[in-house]
Amino acid sequence: MLSSWIRWLAFGIGALLILGGFAAATGGSGVAAGVEAIVLGAALMIAAVLQRSRYRSDSADLGHEEPGPGGGEDGVLEPRFLPTNEVFVDPTSRRRMRVFVDPRTGERRYHADG
């Protein structure tokens, strides 16, 4: 997960690009350059807002909970989540992660294995 200051920085740069794009498009510097800056700025702002951590549920991400080992969920999972045979090694933390799924909804959770 990107730290909060990086997300704010990306959002701010995106806003500056949009403002600069409007200034370029209306100031005679070229409409094409202005539109490119506006599109790039909008993409940066959207990415900063929508960015979320790997292997985390929406509730943990929206609640700004600290990631568990390997970047997944921390603590004990609800009993509705059953372990699957899907296991992988997280390339960043080198932790072995197991996938848990709620068979009723298909919602997935990731938890450090072992």
Protein backbone atom coordinates (compact mmCIF):
# COMPACT_ATOMS: atom_id res chain seq x y z
CA MET A 1 0.00 0.00 0.00
CA LEU A 2 1.28 3.42 -0.83
CA SER A 3 1.77 5.54 2.21
CA SER A 4 -0.71 8.29 2.72
CA TRP A 5 1.69 11.13 1.88
CA ILE A 6 2.53 9.56 -1.49
CA ARG A 7 -1.17 9.35 -2.31
CA TRP A 8 -1.66 13.01 -1.36
CA LEU A 9 1.40 13.98 -3.40
CA ALA A 10 0.08 12.14 -6.47
CA PHE A 11 -3.33 13.77 -5.99
CA GLY A 12 -1.73 17.23 -5.70
CA ILE A 13 0.45 16.73 -8.78
CA GLY A 14 -2.63 15.59 -10.68
CA ALA A 15 -4.51 18.71 -9.65
CA LEU A 16 -1.58 20.90 -10.74
CA LEU A 17 -1.44 19.12 -14.10
CA ILE A 18 -5.15 19.73 -14.64
CA LEU A 19 -4.80 23.43 -13.80
CA GLY A 20 -1.73 23.71 -16.01
CA GLY A 21 -3.54 21.91 -18.80
CA PHE A 22 -6.43 24.35 -18.68
CA ALA A 23 -3.99 27.27 -18.65
CA ALA A 24 -2.09 25.85 -21.64
CA ALA A 25 -5.26 25.15 -23.60
CA THR A 26 -6.71 28.61 -23.07
CA GLY A 27 -3.45 30.56 -23.15
CA GLY A 28 -2.45 29.73 -26.70
CA SER A 29 0.26 27.16 -25.86
CA GLY A 30 -1.67 24.51 -27.71
CA VAL A 31 -4.89 22.72 -27.09
CA ALA A 32 -3.30 19.29 -27.61
CA ALA A 33 -0.70 19.85 -24.89
CA GLY A 34 -3.39 21.15 -22.55
CA VAL A 35 -5.64 18.15 -23.13
CA GLU A 36 -2.73 15.75 -22.54
CA ALA A 37 -1.92 17.43 -19.23
CA ILE A 38 -5.59 17.36 -18.18
CA VAL A 39 -5.93 13.65 -18.99
CA LEU A 40 -2.66 12.76 -17.21
CA GLY A 41 -3.65 14.83 -14.17
CA ALA A 42 -7.09 13.24 -14.01
CA ALA A 43 -5.56 9.76 -14.28
CA LEU A 44 -3.15 10.54 -11.42
CA MET A 45 -5.95 11.85 -9.21
CA ILE A 46 -8.17 8.85 -9.92
CA ALA A 47 -5.31 6.43 -9.25
CA ALA A 48 -4.52 8.15 -5.94
CA VAL A 49 -8.15 7.88 -4.83
CA LEU A 50 -8.72 4.30 -5.98
CA GLN A 51 -5.36 2.85 -4.96
CA ARG A 52 -5.66 0.15 -2.39
CA SER A 53 -3.43 -2.32 -0.70
CA ARG A 54 -2.81 -5.78 -2.05
CA TYR A 55 -4.43 -8.72 -0.30
CA ARG A 56 -6.77 -6.61 1.82
CA SER A 57 -10.52 -6.57 2.17
CA ASP A 58 -12.49 -3.41 1.48
CA SER A 59 -13.45 -3.11 5.14
CA ALA A 60 -9.83 -3.30 6.32
CA ASP A 61 -8.68 -0.87 3.64
CA LEU A 62 -11.47 1.65 4.26
CA GLY A 63 -10.96 1.36 8.03
CA HIS A 64 -7.25 2.19 7.58
CA GLU A 65 -6.32 -0.93 9.55
CA GLU A 66 -2.67 -1.90 9.61
CA PRO A 67 -1.80 -4.72 7.21
CA GLY A 68 -1.02 -8.09 8.69
CA PRO A 69 2.02 -10.25 7.95
CA GLY A 70 2.69 -10.38 4.21
CA GLY A 71 0.33 -7.47 3.61
CA GLY A 72 -2.85 -9.50 4.16
CA GLU A 73 -5.48 -9.50 6.84
CA ASP A 74 -4.34 -9.41 10.44
CA GLY A 75 -5.82 -11.38 13.31
CA VAL A 76 -8.42 -14.14 13.23
CA LEU A 77 -10.72 -14.38 10.23
CA GLU A 78 -14.46 -14.72 10.61
CA PRO A 79 -15.67 -18.35 10.64
CA ARG A 80 -17.50 -17.85 7.33
CA PHE A 81 -14.12 -17.78 5.54
CA LEU A 82 -12.86 -21.24 4.66
CA PRO A 83 -9.28 -22.01 3.61
CA THR A 84 -8.68 -22.93 -0.03
CA ASN A 85 -5.83 -24.86 -1.64
CA GLU A 86 -4.63 -21.62 -3.22
CA VAL A 87 -1.27 -20.70 -1.70
CA PHE A 88 1.36 -18.31 -3.09
CA VAL A 89 4.47 -16.45 -2.02
CA ASP A 90 4.14 -12.68 -1.86
CA PRO A 91 6.97 -11.29 -4.01
CA THR A 92 7.54 -8.26 -1.77
CA SER A 93 7.52 -9.75 1.73
CA ARG A 94 8.46 -13.32 0.71
CA ARG A 95 5.69 -14.54 3.02
CA ARG A 96 3.61 -17.56 2.11
CA MET A 97 -0.03 -16.44 1.76
CA ARG A 98 -3.17 -18.60 1.86
CA VAL A 99 -6.44 -17.61 0.25
CA PHE A 100 -9.66 -17.90 2.27
CA VAL A 101 -13.08 -17.60 0.68
CA ASP A 102 -16.66 -17.11 1.84
CA PRO A 103 -18.45 -19.82 -0.20
CA ARG A 104 -21.75 -17.95 -0.01
CA THR A 105 -20.56 -14.62 -1.44
CA GLY A 106 -17.24 -15.49 -3.10
CA GLU A 107 -15.47 -12.80 -1.06
CA ARG A 108 -11.77 -13.56 -0.69
CA ARG A 109 -9.32 -12.83 2.12
CA TYR A 110 -5.58 -13.35 2.22
CA HIS A 111 -3.73 -14.40 5.34
CA ALA A 112 -0.09 -15.23 6.04
CA ASP A 113 0.28 -19.01 6.21
CA GLY A 114 2.39 -20.27 9.05
